[in-house]
Amino acid sequence: MVNRVCYPMTKVPYHNVATIVVPAMTTLYPGSIVLADTYASLGRKNYSVFAVTQPQTANLSEQMAIVINGGWEMLPDGRRPEGQPDYTKYEFTAGEVVTIVFLEPKMRFQISFDCITGTPAVGKFLYPTDQAYLLTEGDAVPAATFSSFKVLALMDFGLGGQAGAQFASTVVAMVQQPTLAVDPD
């Protein structure tokens, strides 16, 4: 059973929180990494909703952002559920407006294993890869990567239920300072 959890564990400055519109024929989830560098064409007065693309190696910039939990759970037939929604099951489909956080060094996030490709471990790194929305786990960060996370700890996230017996495996990860090649000239 997939449980996607992604939320900041440190106070996020207001200017780092934004909204995006999910691209056509795309489904995003909490923990998805996006490149948000232009406003969506939603009308002449749109200055707050960004259009996004998948990370691209040639353009990994400070405009990298992560989708966080928010919004409402959507059932397969398009209805919203009655009762207590399970926000770890959120899917954001084309056209929906969802919340992101632009990544800055030292920000910490709790991110579930289901948001990551690979098996995260303390001391390893999570980073975006070319043309993929999911974070990838690795021992080192590729040179072209602008925003990456270092795994600081492993935690269980309580999913509720009777006696709180269900848990999702998560990591506590901190955004790393980018290592950019410097031209000596």
C-alpha atoms as a PDB file:
ATOM      1  CA  MET A   1       0.000   0.000   0.000  1.00  0.00           C
ATOM      2  CA  VAL A   2       1.470   3.354  -1.077  1.00  0.00           C
ATOM      3  CA  ASN A   3       1.540   6.183   1.475  1.00  0.00           C
ATOM      4  CA  ARG A   4       3.044   9.439   0.253  1.00  0.00           C
ATOM      5  CA  VAL A   5       4.069  11.859   2.988  1.00  0.00           C
ATOM      6  CA  CYS A   6       6.018  15.063   2.355  1.00  0.00           C
ATOM      7  CA  TYR A   7       5.985  18.036   4.649  1.00  0.00           C
ATOM      8  CA  PRO A   8       8.507  20.586   5.900  1.00  0.00           C
ATOM      9  CA  MET A   9       9.891  20.081   9.406  1.00  0.00           C
ATOM     10  CA  THR A  10      11.331  23.590   9.606  1.00  0.00           C
ATOM     11  CA  LYS A  11       9.557  26.913   9.321  1.00  0.00           C
ATOM     12  CA  VAL A  12       9.255  27.830   5.654  1.00  0.00           C
ATOM     13  CA  PRO A  13       9.515  31.520   4.723  1.00  0.00           C
ATOM     14  CA  TYR A  14       6.375  32.799   3.026  1.00  0.00           C
ATOM     15  CA  HIS A  15       8.278  33.641  -0.169  1.00  0.00           C
ATOM     16  CA  ASN A  16       9.230  29.950  -0.558  1.00  0.00           C
ATOM     17  CA  VAL A  17       5.615  28.735  -0.663  1.00  0.00           C
ATOM     18  CA  ALA A  18       3.819  28.838  -3.995  1.00  0.00           C
ATOM     19  CA  THR A  19       1.202  27.071  -6.053  1.00  0.00           C
ATOM     20  CA  ILE A  20       1.482  25.265  -9.363  1.00  0.00           C
ATOM     21  CA  VAL A  21      -0.920  23.893 -11.922  1.00  0.00           C
ATOM     22  CA  VAL A  22      -0.373  20.222 -12.746  1.00  0.00           C
ATOM     23  CA  PRO A  23       0.604  19.844 -16.434  1.00  0.00           C
ATOM     24  CA  ALA A  24      -1.611  18.076 -18.961  1.00  0.00           C
ATOM     25  CA  MET A  25      -1.461  14.256 -18.927  1.00  0.00           C
ATOM     26  CA  THR A  26       0.485  14.315 -15.642  1.00  0.00           C
ATOM     27  CA  THR A  27      -0.186  13.083 -12.128  1.00  0.00           C
ATOM     28  CA  LEU A  28       1.898  14.538  -9.302  1.00  0.00           C
ATOM     29  CA  TYR A  29       2.144  13.300  -5.729  1.00  0.00           C
ATOM     30  CA  PRO A  30       3.482  14.706  -2.470  1.00  0.00           C
ATOM     31  CA  GLY A  31       7.268  14.451  -2.733  1.00  0.00           C
ATOM     32  CA  SER A  32       7.368  15.142  -6.492  1.00  0.00           C
ATOM     33  CA  ILE A  33      10.237  17.423  -7.537  1.00  0.00           C
ATOM     34  CA  VAL A  34       9.367  20.080 -10.116  1.00  0.00           C
ATOM     35  CA  LEU A  35      11.042  22.939 -11.944  1.00  0.00           C
ATOM     36  CA  ALA A  36       8.889  26.071 -11.517  1.00  0.00           C
ATOM     37  CA  ASP A  37      10.290  29.042 -13.401  1.00  0.00           C
ATOM     38  CA  THR A  38       7.364  30.550 -15.343  1.00  0.00           C
ATOM     39  CA  TYR A  39       3.818  31.569 -14.510  1.00  0.00           C
ATOM     40  CA  ALA A  40       0.934  29.501 -15.854  1.00  0.00           C
ATOM     41  CA  SER A  41      -1.181  31.038 -18.597  1.00  0.00           C
ATOM     42  CA  LEU A  42      -4.346  31.229 -16.515  1.00  0.00           C
ATOM     43  CA  GLY A  43      -5.266  34.779 -17.448  1.00  0.00           C
ATOM     44  CA  ARG A  44      -3.785  38.250 -17.578  1.00  0.00           C
ATOM     45  CA  LYS A  45      -3.674  38.740 -13.823  1.00  0.00           C
ATOM     46  CA  ASN A  46      -2.011  35.472 -12.833  1.00  0.00           C
ATOM     47  CA  TYR A  47       1.081  36.223 -10.798  1.00  0.00           C
ATOM     48  CA  SER A  48       0.898  33.443  -8.247  1.00  0.00           C
ATOM     49  CA  VAL A  49       0.380  30.072  -9.989  1.00  0.00           C
ATOM     50  CA  PHE A  50       3.441  28.608 -11.691  1.00  0.00           C
ATOM     51  CA  ALA A  51       3.620  26.272 -14.663  1.00  0.00           C
ATOM     52  CA  VAL A  52       6.005  23.378 -14.031  1.00  0.00           C
ATOM     53  CA  THR A  53       8.133  20.940 -15.944  1.00  0.00           C
ATOM     54  CA  GLN A  54      10.131  17.876 -15.020  1.00  0.00           C
ATOM     55  CA  PRO A  55      13.670  18.486 -13.800  1.00  0.00           C
ATOM     56  CA  GLN A  56      16.173  18.614 -16.641  1.00  0.00           C
ATOM     57  CA  THR A  57      19.889  18.056 -16.149  1.00  0.00           C
ATOM     58  CA  ALA A  58      20.711  21.036 -18.341  1.00  0.00           C
ATOM     59  CA  ASN A  59      18.490  23.329 -16.270  1.00  0.00           C
ATOM     60  CA  LEU A  60      18.609  22.252 -12.613  1.00  0.00           C
ATOM     61  CA  SER A  61      18.314  25.630 -10.949  1.00  0.00           C
ATOM     62  CA  GLU A  62      17.240  27.377  -7.790  1.00  0.00           C
ATOM     63  CA  GLN A  63      13.673  27.133  -9.059  1.00  0.00           C
ATOM     64  CA  MET A  64      13.502  23.505  -7.934  1.00  0.00           C
ATOM     65  CA  ALA A  65      10.538  22.843  -5.669  1.00  0.00           C
ATOM     66  CA  ILE A  66       8.858  19.933  -3.896  1.00  0.00           C
ATOM     67  CA  VAL A  67       5.134  19.174  -3.804  1.00  0.00           C
ATOM     68  CA  ILE A  68       3.853  18.905  -0.236  1.00  0.00           C
ATOM     69  CA  ASN A  69       0.766  17.246   1.227  1.00  0.00           C
ATOM     70  CA  GLY A  70      -2.347  19.347   0.852  1.00  0.00           C
ATOM     71  CA  GLY A  71      -5.592  19.450  -1.045  1.00  0.00           C
ATOM     72  CA  TRP A  72      -8.109  16.621  -0.967  1.00  0.00           C
ATOM     73  CA  GLU A  73      -8.038  12.923  -1.642  1.00  0.00           C
ATOM     74  CA  MET A  74      -9.614  11.983  -4.991  1.00  0.00           C
ATOM     75  CA  LEU A  75     -11.390   8.665  -5.430  1.00  0.00           C
ATOM     76  CA  PRO A  76     -10.815   6.726  -8.685  1.00  0.00           C
ATOM     77  CA  ASP A  77     -14.220   7.802 -10.009  1.00  0.00           C
ATOM     78  CA  GLY A  78     -13.471  11.513  -9.430  1.00  0.00           C
ATOM     79  CA  ARG A  79     -15.510  11.993  -6.247  1.00  0.00           C
ATOM     80  CA  ARG A  80     -14.203  13.338  -2.955  1.00  0.00           C
ATOM     81  CA  PRO A  81     -14.506  10.890  -0.045  1.00  0.00           C
ATOM     82  CA  GLU A  82     -16.908  11.217   2.843  1.00  0.00           C
ATOM     83  CA  GLY A  83     -15.592  11.180   6.388  1.00  0.00           C
ATOM     84  CA  GLN A  84     -11.925  11.432   7.276  1.00  0.00           C
ATOM     85  CA  PRO A  85      -9.769  11.748   4.120  1.00  0.00           C
ATOM     86  CA  ASP A  86      -6.436   9.921   3.965  1.00  0.00           C
ATOM     87  CA  TYR A  87      -4.028  12.636   2.854  1.00  0.00           C
ATOM     88  CA  THR A  88      -1.210  10.113   2.292  1.00  0.00           C
ATOM     89  CA  LYS A  89      -3.135   8.877  -0.763  1.00  0.00           C
ATOM     90  CA  TYR A  90      -3.402  12.241  -2.520  1.00  0.00           C
ATOM     91  CA  GLU A  91      -2.952  12.339  -6.262  1.00  0.00           C
ATOM     92  CA  PHE A  92      -2.891  15.640  -8.082  1.00  0.00           C
ATOM     93  CA  THR A  93      -4.156  15.328 -11.652  1.00  0.00           C
ATOM     94  CA  ALA A  94      -3.845  17.596 -14.691  1.00  0.00           C
ATOM     95  CA  GLY A  95      -5.269  21.062 -14.128  1.00  0.00           C
ATOM     96  CA  GLU A  96      -5.335  20.943 -10.315  1.00  0.00           C
ATOM     97  CA  VAL A  97      -3.597  23.718  -8.377  1.00  0.00           C
ATOM     98  CA  VAL A  98      -1.350  22.369  -5.613  1.00  0.00           C
ATOM     99  CA  THR A  99       1.135  23.701  -3.052  1.00  0.00           C
ATOM    100  CA  ILE A 100       4.921  23.575  -3.464  1.00  0.00           C
ATOM    101  CA  VAL A 101       7.913  24.731  -1.439  1.00  0.00           C
ATOM    102  CA  PHE A 102      10.940  26.163  -3.254  1.00  0.00           C
ATOM    103  CA  LEU A 103      14.063  24.444  -1.918  1.00  0.00           C
ATOM    104  CA  GLU A 104      16.710  26.333   0.031  1.00  0.00           C
ATOM    105  CA  PRO A 105      19.726  24.978   1.935  1.00  0.00           C
ATOM    106  CA  LYS A 106      19.125  23.715   5.494  1.00  0.00           C
ATOM    107  CA  MET A 107      15.359  23.180   5.041  1.00  0.00           C
ATOM    108  CA  ARG A 108      14.339  19.812   6.470  1.00  0.00           C
ATOM    109  CA  PHE A 109      11.508  17.623   5.191  1.00  0.00           C
ATOM    110  CA  GLN A 110       9.910  14.363   6.250  1.00  0.00           C
ATOM    111  CA  ILE A 111       9.511  12.306   3.078  1.00  0.00           C
ATOM    112  CA  SER A 112       8.079   8.796   2.852  1.00  0.00           C
ATOM    113  CA  PHE A 113       9.932   5.940   1.148  1.00  0.00           C
ATOM    114  CA  ASP A 114       7.068   5.784  -1.390  1.00  0.00           C
ATOM    115  CA  CYS A 115       8.161   9.206  -2.733  1.00  0.00           C
ATOM    116  CA  ILE A 116      11.700   7.961  -3.446  1.00  0.00           C
ATOM    117  CA  THR A 117      13.240   5.686  -6.071  1.00  0.00           C
ATOM    118  CA  GLY A 118      15.637   3.340  -4.270  1.00  0.00           C
ATOM    119  CA  THR A 119      16.092   2.428  -0.617  1.00  0.00           C
ATOM    120  CA  PRO A 120      17.106   5.441   1.453  1.00  0.00           C
ATOM    121  CA  ALA A 121      19.516   5.115   4.374  1.00  0.00           C
ATOM    122  CA  VAL A 122      21.066   7.575   6.819  1.00  0.00           C
ATOM    123  CA  GLY A 123      23.985   9.409   5.209  1.00  0.00           C
ATOM    124  CA  LYS A 124      22.807   8.799   1.645  1.00  0.00           C
ATOM    125  CA  PHE A 125      21.529  11.486  -0.705  1.00  0.00           C
ATOM    126  CA  LEU A 126      18.238  12.131  -2.493  1.00  0.00           C
ATOM    127  CA  TYR A 127      18.305  14.127  -5.705  1.00  0.00           C
ATOM    128  CA  PRO A 128      16.196  14.901  -8.773  1.00  0.00           C
ATOM    129  CA  THR A 129      17.107  13.175 -11.999  1.00  0.00           C
ATOM    130  CA  ASP A 130      16.665  14.179 -15.614  1.00  0.00           C
ATOM    131  CA  GLN A 131      13.039  13.953 -16.787  1.00  0.00           C
ATOM    132  CA  ALA A 132      11.664  12.401 -13.572  1.00  0.00           C
ATOM    133  CA  TYR A 133       9.459  13.835 -10.828  1.00  0.00           C
ATOM    134  CA  LEU A 134      10.609  11.360  -8.132  1.00  0.00           C
ATOM    135  CA  LEU A 135      13.680  11.762  -5.962  1.00  0.00           C
ATOM    136  CA  THR A 136      16.408   9.157  -6.501  1.00  0.00           C
ATOM    137  CA  GLU A 137      18.534   7.699  -3.707  1.00  0.00           C
ATOM    138  CA  GLY A 138      22.298   7.457  -4.096  1.00  0.00           C
ATOM    139  CA  ASP A 139      25.674   7.492  -2.334  1.00  0.00           C
ATOM    140  CA  ALA A 140      26.772  10.735  -3.983  1.00  0.00           C
ATOM    141  CA  VAL A 141      25.088  13.632  -5.760  1.00  0.00           C
ATOM    142  CA  PRO A 142      25.720  13.989  -9.513  1.00  0.00           C
ATOM    143  CA  ALA A 143      27.750  17.108 -10.403  1.00  0.00           C
ATOM    144  CA  ALA A 144      24.949  18.718 -12.444  1.00  0.00           C
ATOM    145  CA  THR A 145      22.430  18.583  -9.579  1.00  0.00           C
ATOM    146  CA  PHE A 146      21.512  21.913  -7.990  1.00  0.00           C
ATOM    147  CA  SER A 147      19.173  20.807  -5.187  1.00  0.00           C
ATOM    148  CA  SER A 148      19.710  17.624  -3.225  1.00  0.00           C
ATOM    149  CA  PHE A 149      18.830  16.259   0.205  1.00  0.00           C
ATOM    150  CA  LYS A 150      20.985  14.435   2.738  1.00  0.00           C
ATOM    151  CA  VAL A 151      19.189  11.756   4.761  1.00  0.00           C
ATOM    152  CA  LEU A 152      19.623  12.577   8.449  1.00  0.00           C
ATOM    153  CA  ALA A 153      17.332  10.009  10.071  1.00  0.00           C
ATOM    154  CA  LEU A 154      14.735   7.312   9.439  1.00  0.00           C
ATOM    155  CA  MET A 155      11.332   7.672  11.114  1.00  0.00           C
ATOM    156  CA  ASP A 156       7.935   6.043  11.176  1.00  0.00           C
ATOM    157  CA  PHE A 157       4.948   8.240  10.398  1.00  0.00           C
ATOM    158  CA  GLY A 158       1.720   7.271  12.171  1.00  0.00           C
ATOM    159  CA  LEU A 159      -1.129   6.778   9.727  1.00  0.00           C
ATOM    160  CA  GLY A 160      -3.863   6.630  12.351  1.00  0.00           C
ATOM    161  CA  GLY A 161      -6.354   3.797  12.339  1.00  0.00           C
ATOM    162  CA  GLN A 162      -7.247   1.756  15.390  1.00  0.00           C
ATOM    163  CA  ALA A 163      -4.693   2.262  18.156  1.00  0.00           C
ATOM    164  CA  GLY A 164      -2.397   3.986  15.633  1.00  0.00           C
ATOM    165  CA  ALA A 165      -0.911   0.656  14.593  1.00  0.00           C
ATOM    166  CA  GLN A 166      -0.211   1.547  10.961  1.00  0.00           C
ATOM    167  CA  PHE A 167       2.950   3.400   9.989  1.00  0.00           C
ATOM    168  CA  ALA A 168       4.701   4.631   6.859  1.00  0.00           C
ATOM    169  CA  SER A 169       8.502   4.560   6.658  1.00  0.00           C
ATOM    170  CA  THR A 170       9.947   8.029   6.132  1.00  0.00           C
ATOM    171  CA  VAL A 171      13.241   9.875   6.093  1.00  0.00           C
ATOM    172  CA  VAL A 172      14.167  13.200   7.613  1.00  0.00           C
ATOM    173  CA  ALA A 173      16.208  14.891   4.897  1.00  0.00           C
ATOM    174  CA  MET A 174      17.920  18.281   4.738  1.00  0.00           C
ATOM    175  CA  VAL A 175      18.372  20.332   1.563  1.00  0.00           C
ATOM    176  CA  GLN A 176      22.082  20.605   0.765  1.00  0.00           C
ATOM    177  CA  GLN A 177      23.974  23.655  -0.416  1.00  0.00           C
ATOM    178  CA  PRO A 178      24.498  23.251  -4.163  1.00  0.00           C
ATOM    179  CA  THR A 179      27.992  22.475  -5.386  1.00  0.00           C
ATOM    180  CA  LEU A 180      28.409  24.442  -8.581  1.00  0.00           C
ATOM    181  CA  ALA A 181      31.410  24.309 -10.849  1.00  0.00           C
ATOM    182  CA  VAL A 182      33.290  27.594 -10.704  1.00  0.00           C
ATOM    183  CA  ASP A 183      35.101  28.871 -13.754  1.00  0.00           C
ATOM    184  CA  PRO A 184      38.606  29.993 -12.598  1.00  0.00           C
ATOM    185  CA  ASP A 185      38.763  32.759 -15.254  1.00  0.00           C
END
